[in-house]
Amino acid sequence: MTYSGEPLFPGRRNRIPPWVMAVIVLSVVVVILVPVGFVVSFFYVWGKNHENLRFPSDDVTLSSCRQDAVTGRPVVEVLVVSEAAQRGTFTVHVEFRDARGKGKGKGEGNSSPAGKRTVVFKDLERGGTETEEVVGPAPVRGRPECVVADATFLSTALAATSRPGAP
């Protein structure tokens, strides 16, 4: 079916004016590109802020984990080599587990908890090394497992000396 009569609105074209098209395109660009720009800039800044990030647990090593022959309790040697930018105190929480236990849960497999101990290394300078032997609170029946449950660092440097060039 075709229409063969006169146009309904003579002299009028079905064309969008250029300024309306420009407003539509600009609105779409703003609605799409501005949020994308915010997301990209967020991840760029986040990456720059975290590129040299160190965790205190990176400075902690458990060098030996054994069972004391007399008491049967686990014994571990905790070594801290400070790579922090300034002097500070390390607090290390060591978790002891009995490898022969039948505990299930929290992803520990076939080991059961044998307690926790906390050891504090006070006022270590950058590059400073300190070792301490920690004894578990309860005897274990089998081979002990020793794990760093948590390690924290608290700077003890004065605020004025923590930044180079500070007045």
C-alpha atoms as a PDB file:
ATOM      1  CA  MET A   1       0.000   0.000   0.000  1.00  0.00           C
ATOM      2  CA  THR A   2       1.465   3.365  -0.966  1.00  0.00           C
ATOM      3  CA  TYR A   3       0.377   6.829  -0.181  1.00  0.00           C
ATOM      4  CA  SER A   4      -0.044   8.946  -3.232  1.00  0.00           C
ATOM      5  CA  GLY A   5      -1.500  12.109  -1.803  1.00  0.00           C
ATOM      6  CA  GLU A   6      -0.007  15.390  -0.725  1.00  0.00           C
ATOM      7  CA  PRO A   7       2.298  15.430   2.332  1.00  0.00           C
ATOM      8  CA  LEU A   8       0.539  15.837   5.644  1.00  0.00           C
ATOM      9  CA  PHE A   9       2.786  18.761   6.677  1.00  0.00           C
ATOM     10  CA  PRO A  10       4.056  20.450   3.515  1.00  0.00           C
ATOM     11  CA  GLY A  11       7.488  22.087   3.728  1.00  0.00           C
ATOM     12  CA  ARG A  12       8.507  20.153   6.776  1.00  0.00           C
ATOM     13  CA  ARG A  13      11.304  17.588   6.664  1.00  0.00           C
ATOM     14  CA  ASN A  14      11.835  14.673   9.035  1.00  0.00           C
ATOM     15  CA  ARG A  15      15.366  15.676   9.871  1.00  0.00           C
ATOM     16  CA  ILE A  16      16.875  16.367  13.305  1.00  0.00           C
ATOM     17  CA  PRO A  17      18.582  19.739  13.516  1.00  0.00           C
ATOM     18  CA  PRO A  18      22.385  19.597  13.917  1.00  0.00           C
ATOM     19  CA  TRP A  19      22.373  21.333  17.315  1.00  0.00           C
ATOM     20  CA  VAL A  20      19.964  18.719  18.738  1.00  0.00           C
ATOM     21  CA  MET A  21      22.165  15.918  17.406  1.00  0.00           C
ATOM     22  CA  ALA A  22      25.207  17.587  19.016  1.00  0.00           C
ATOM     23  CA  VAL A  23      23.422  17.808  22.384  1.00  0.00           C
ATOM     24  CA  ILE A  24      22.427  14.111  22.190  1.00  0.00           C
ATOM     25  CA  VAL A  25      25.964  12.975  21.296  1.00  0.00           C
ATOM     26  CA  LEU A  26      27.512  15.153  24.010  1.00  0.00           C
ATOM     27  CA  SER A  27      25.069  13.811  26.613  1.00  0.00           C
ATOM     28  CA  VAL A  28      25.856  10.195  25.684  1.00  0.00           C
ATOM     29  CA  VAL A  29      29.590  10.890  25.843  1.00  0.00           C
ATOM     30  CA  VAL A  30      29.258  12.496  29.279  1.00  0.00           C
ATOM     31  CA  VAL A  31      27.024   9.734  30.634  1.00  0.00           C
ATOM     32  CA  ILE A  32      29.351   6.952  29.436  1.00  0.00           C
ATOM     33  CA  LEU A  33      32.867   8.392  29.474  1.00  0.00           C
ATOM     34  CA  VAL A  34      32.799  10.260  32.792  1.00  0.00           C
ATOM     35  CA  PRO A  35      32.080   7.152  34.928  1.00  0.00           C
ATOM     36  CA  VAL A  36      34.606   5.146  32.894  1.00  0.00           C
ATOM     37  CA  GLY A  37      37.154   7.922  33.491  1.00  0.00           C
ATOM     38  CA  PHE A  38      36.487   7.846  37.235  1.00  0.00           C
ATOM     39  CA  VAL A  39      36.975   4.069  37.363  1.00  0.00           C
ATOM     40  CA  VAL A  40      40.198   4.217  35.336  1.00  0.00           C
ATOM     41  CA  SER A  41      41.610   7.064  37.433  1.00  0.00           C
ATOM     42  CA  PHE A  42      40.676   5.255  40.676  1.00  0.00           C
ATOM     43  CA  PHE A  43      42.612   2.124  39.688  1.00  0.00           C
ATOM     44  CA  TYR A  44      45.559   4.199  38.444  1.00  0.00           C
ATOM     45  CA  VAL A  45      45.834   6.077  41.758  1.00  0.00           C
ATOM     46  CA  TRP A  46      45.218   2.889  43.775  1.00  0.00           C
ATOM     47  CA  GLY A  47      48.078   1.166  41.937  1.00  0.00           C
ATOM     48  CA  LYS A  48      50.437   4.103  42.491  1.00  0.00           C
ATOM     49  CA  ASN A  49      49.641   4.190  46.212  1.00  0.00           C
ATOM     50  CA  HIS A  50      50.208   0.454  46.652  1.00  0.00           C
ATOM     51  CA  GLU A  51      53.134  -0.290  44.321  1.00  0.00           C
ATOM     52  CA  ASN A  52      55.760  -0.487  47.100  1.00  0.00           C
ATOM     53  CA  LEU A  53      53.470  -1.746  49.849  1.00  0.00           C
ATOM     54  CA  ARG A  54      55.021  -4.183  52.326  1.00  0.00           C
ATOM     55  CA  PHE A  55      53.206  -6.227  54.917  1.00  0.00           C
ATOM     56  CA  PRO A  56      54.756  -6.846  58.364  1.00  0.00           C
ATOM     57  CA  SER A  57      54.434 -10.601  57.830  1.00  0.00           C
ATOM     58  CA  ASP A  58      56.958 -10.248  54.968  1.00  0.00           C
ATOM     59  CA  ASP A  59      59.597  -9.476  57.619  1.00  0.00           C
ATOM     60  CA  VAL A  60      58.761 -12.444  59.884  1.00  0.00           C
ATOM     61  CA  THR A  61      60.192 -15.963  59.490  1.00  0.00           C
ATOM     62  CA  LEU A  62      59.610 -19.051  61.585  1.00  0.00           C
ATOM     63  CA  SER A  63      63.000 -20.734  61.371  1.00  0.00           C
ATOM     64  CA  SER A  64      62.336 -23.914  63.353  1.00  0.00           C
ATOM     65  CA  CYS A  65      59.235 -25.619  64.678  1.00  0.00           C
ATOM     66  CA  ARG A  66      59.865 -28.616  66.921  1.00  0.00           C
ATOM     67  CA  GLN A  67      58.497 -30.459  69.917  1.00  0.00           C
ATOM     68  CA  ASP A  68      60.242 -29.996  73.254  1.00  0.00           C
ATOM     69  CA  ALA A  69      61.508 -33.406  74.387  1.00  0.00           C
ATOM     70  CA  VAL A  70      60.784 -32.774  78.073  1.00  0.00           C
ATOM     71  CA  THR A  71      57.436 -30.947  78.108  1.00  0.00           C
ATOM     72  CA  GLY A  72      56.001 -32.085  74.748  1.00  0.00           C
ATOM     73  CA  ARG A  73      55.041 -28.505  73.922  1.00  0.00           C
ATOM     74  CA  PRO A  74      55.833 -26.966  70.522  1.00  0.00           C
ATOM     75  CA  VAL A  75      58.785 -24.613  70.326  1.00  0.00           C
ATOM     76  CA  VAL A  76      59.378 -22.182  67.469  1.00  0.00           C
ATOM     77  CA  GLU A  77      62.153 -19.733  66.707  1.00  0.00           C
ATOM     78  CA  VAL A  78      60.749 -16.434  65.405  1.00  0.00           C
ATOM     79  CA  LEU A  79      63.099 -14.262  63.334  1.00  0.00           C
ATOM     80  CA  VAL A  80      62.286 -10.666  62.380  1.00  0.00           C
ATOM     81  CA  VAL A  81      64.392  -8.780  59.851  1.00  0.00           C
ATOM     82  CA  SER A  82      62.925  -5.279  59.667  1.00  0.00           C
ATOM     83  CA  GLU A  83      62.631  -3.807  56.187  1.00  0.00           C
ATOM     84  CA  ALA A  84      60.240  -1.077  57.339  1.00  0.00           C
ATOM     85  CA  ALA A  85      61.038   2.473  56.263  1.00  0.00           C
ATOM     86  CA  GLN A  86      61.386   3.599  59.884  1.00  0.00           C
ATOM     87  CA  ARG A  87      62.030   2.112  63.299  1.00  0.00           C
ATOM     88  CA  GLY A  88      59.134   0.400  65.003  1.00  0.00           C
ATOM     89  CA  THR A  89      57.699  -2.441  67.045  1.00  0.00           C
ATOM     90  CA  PHE A  90      56.635  -5.764  65.544  1.00  0.00           C
ATOM     91  CA  THR A  91      53.923  -7.822  67.251  1.00  0.00           C
ATOM     92  CA  VAL A  92      53.817 -11.411  65.993  1.00  0.00           C
ATOM     93  CA  HIS A  93      50.998 -13.838  66.828  1.00  0.00           C
ATOM     94  CA  VAL A  94      52.111 -17.452  66.397  1.00  0.00           C
ATOM     95  CA  GLU A  95      49.556 -20.256  66.150  1.00  0.00           C
ATOM     96  CA  PHE A  96      50.516 -23.774  67.151  1.00  0.00           C
ATOM     97  CA  ARG A  97      48.747 -26.841  65.751  1.00  0.00           C
ATOM     98  CA  ASP A  98      48.980 -30.573  66.458  1.00  0.00           C
ATOM     99  CA  ALA A  99      49.487 -32.383  63.126  1.00  0.00           C
ATOM    100  CA  ARG A 100      48.127 -35.671  64.545  1.00  0.00           C
ATOM    101  CA  GLY A 101      44.880 -34.092  65.767  1.00  0.00           C
ATOM    102  CA  LYS A 102      41.544 -34.742  64.110  1.00  0.00           C
ATOM    103  CA  GLY A 103      40.297 -31.173  63.966  1.00  0.00           C
ATOM    104  CA  LYS A 104      38.293 -30.154  60.918  1.00  0.00           C
ATOM    105  CA  GLY A 105      37.299 -26.643  60.055  1.00  0.00           C
ATOM    106  CA  LYS A 106      38.772 -23.304  59.044  1.00  0.00           C
ATOM    107  CA  GLY A 107      40.764 -25.097  56.341  1.00  0.00           C
ATOM    108  CA  GLU A 108      43.379 -26.611  58.665  1.00  0.00           C
ATOM    109  CA  GLY A 109      42.922 -30.152  57.373  1.00  0.00           C
ATOM    110  CA  ASN A 110      43.711 -32.901  59.873  1.00  0.00           C
ATOM    111  CA  SER A 111      45.358 -30.741  62.527  1.00  0.00           C
ATOM    112  CA  SER A 112      43.892 -29.468  65.772  1.00  0.00           C
ATOM    113  CA  PRO A 113      44.692 -26.226  67.587  1.00  0.00           C
ATOM    114  CA  ALA A 114      47.369 -26.312  70.260  1.00  0.00           C
ATOM    115  CA  GLY A 115      47.203 -22.636  71.244  1.00  0.00           C
ATOM    116  CA  LYS A 116      48.556 -19.217  70.354  1.00  0.00           C
ATOM    117  CA  ARG A 117      51.357 -17.055  71.673  1.00  0.00           C
ATOM    118  CA  THR A 118      52.270 -13.435  71.065  1.00  0.00           C
ATOM    119  CA  VAL A 119      55.824 -12.134  70.894  1.00  0.00           C
ATOM    120  CA  VAL A 120      56.809  -8.451  70.680  1.00  0.00           C
ATOM    121  CA  PHE A 121      60.010  -7.130  69.115  1.00  0.00           C
ATOM    122  CA  LYS A 122      60.411  -3.565  70.384  1.00  0.00           C
ATOM    123  CA  ASP A 123      61.942  -0.636  68.550  1.00  0.00           C
ATOM    124  CA  LEU A 124      63.691  -2.370  65.631  1.00  0.00           C
ATOM    125  CA  GLU A 125      65.566  -0.133  63.203  1.00  0.00           C
ATOM    126  CA  ARG A 126      65.495  -0.642  59.438  1.00  0.00           C
ATOM    127  CA  GLY A 127      67.649  -3.678  58.741  1.00  0.00           C
ATOM    128  CA  GLY A 128      67.575  -4.694  62.409  1.00  0.00           C
ATOM    129  CA  THR A 129      67.383  -8.411  63.192  1.00  0.00           C
ATOM    130  CA  GLU A 130      66.020 -10.057  66.302  1.00  0.00           C
ATOM    131  CA  THR A 131      65.264 -13.672  67.205  1.00  0.00           C
ATOM    132  CA  GLU A 132      63.167 -15.087  70.014  1.00  0.00           C
ATOM    133  CA  GLU A 133      62.187 -18.613  70.975  1.00  0.00           C
ATOM    134  CA  VAL A 134      58.475 -19.076  71.706  1.00  0.00           C
ATOM    135  CA  VAL A 135      57.011 -22.074  73.543  1.00  0.00           C
ATOM    136  CA  GLY A 136      53.449 -23.193  72.862  1.00  0.00           C
ATOM    137  CA  PRO A 137      50.909 -23.262  75.707  1.00  0.00           C
ATOM    138  CA  ALA A 138      49.867 -26.920  75.417  1.00  0.00           C
ATOM    139  CA  PRO A 139      51.660 -30.202  74.680  1.00  0.00           C
ATOM    140  CA  VAL A 140      51.130 -31.847  71.303  1.00  0.00           C
ATOM    141  CA  ARG A 141      51.016 -35.567  70.568  1.00  0.00           C
ATOM    142  CA  GLY A 142      52.472 -35.491  67.083  1.00  0.00           C
ATOM    143  CA  ARG A 143      54.644 -33.262  64.970  1.00  0.00           C
ATOM    144  CA  PRO A 144      53.787 -29.607  65.725  1.00  0.00           C
ATOM    145  CA  GLU A 145      52.870 -27.078  63.058  1.00  0.00           C
ATOM    146  CA  CYS A 146      53.732 -23.436  63.662  1.00  0.00           C
ATOM    147  CA  VAL A 147      52.124 -20.623  61.643  1.00  0.00           C
ATOM    148  CA  VAL A 148      52.289 -16.824  61.749  1.00  0.00           C
ATOM    149  CA  ALA A 149      48.631 -16.038  62.482  1.00  0.00           C
ATOM    150  CA  ASP A 150      49.159 -12.269  62.343  1.00  0.00           C
ATOM    151  CA  ALA A 151      51.968  -9.739  62.319  1.00  0.00           C
ATOM    152  CA  THR A 152      51.582  -6.031  62.955  1.00  0.00           C
ATOM    153  CA  PHE A 153      53.989  -3.099  62.819  1.00  0.00           C
ATOM    154  CA  LEU A 154      53.732   0.137  64.764  1.00  0.00           C
ATOM    155  CA  SER A 155      56.173   2.914  64.012  1.00  0.00           C
ATOM    156  CA  THR A 156      58.037   4.311  66.999  1.00  0.00           C
ATOM    157  CA  ALA A 157      59.760   7.075  65.037  1.00  0.00           C
ATOM    158  CA  LEU A 158      58.859  10.621  65.971  1.00  0.00           C
ATOM    159  CA  ALA A 159      56.472  12.286  63.546  1.00  0.00           C
ATOM    160  CA  ALA A 160      59.030  15.001  62.720  1.00  0.00           C
ATOM    161  CA  THR A 161      61.720  12.455  61.804  1.00  0.00           C
ATOM    162  CA  SER A 162      59.519  10.003  59.929  1.00  0.00           C
ATOM    163  CA  ARG A 163      59.547  12.113  56.756  1.00  0.00           C
ATOM    164  CA  PRO A 164      62.805  13.150  55.145  1.00  0.00           C
ATOM    165  CA  GLY A 165      63.001  16.924  54.875  1.00  0.00           C
ATOM    166  CA  ALA A 166      60.354  17.606  57.521  1.00  0.00           C
ATOM    167  CA  PRO A 167      61.088  20.736  59.632  1.00  0.00           C
END
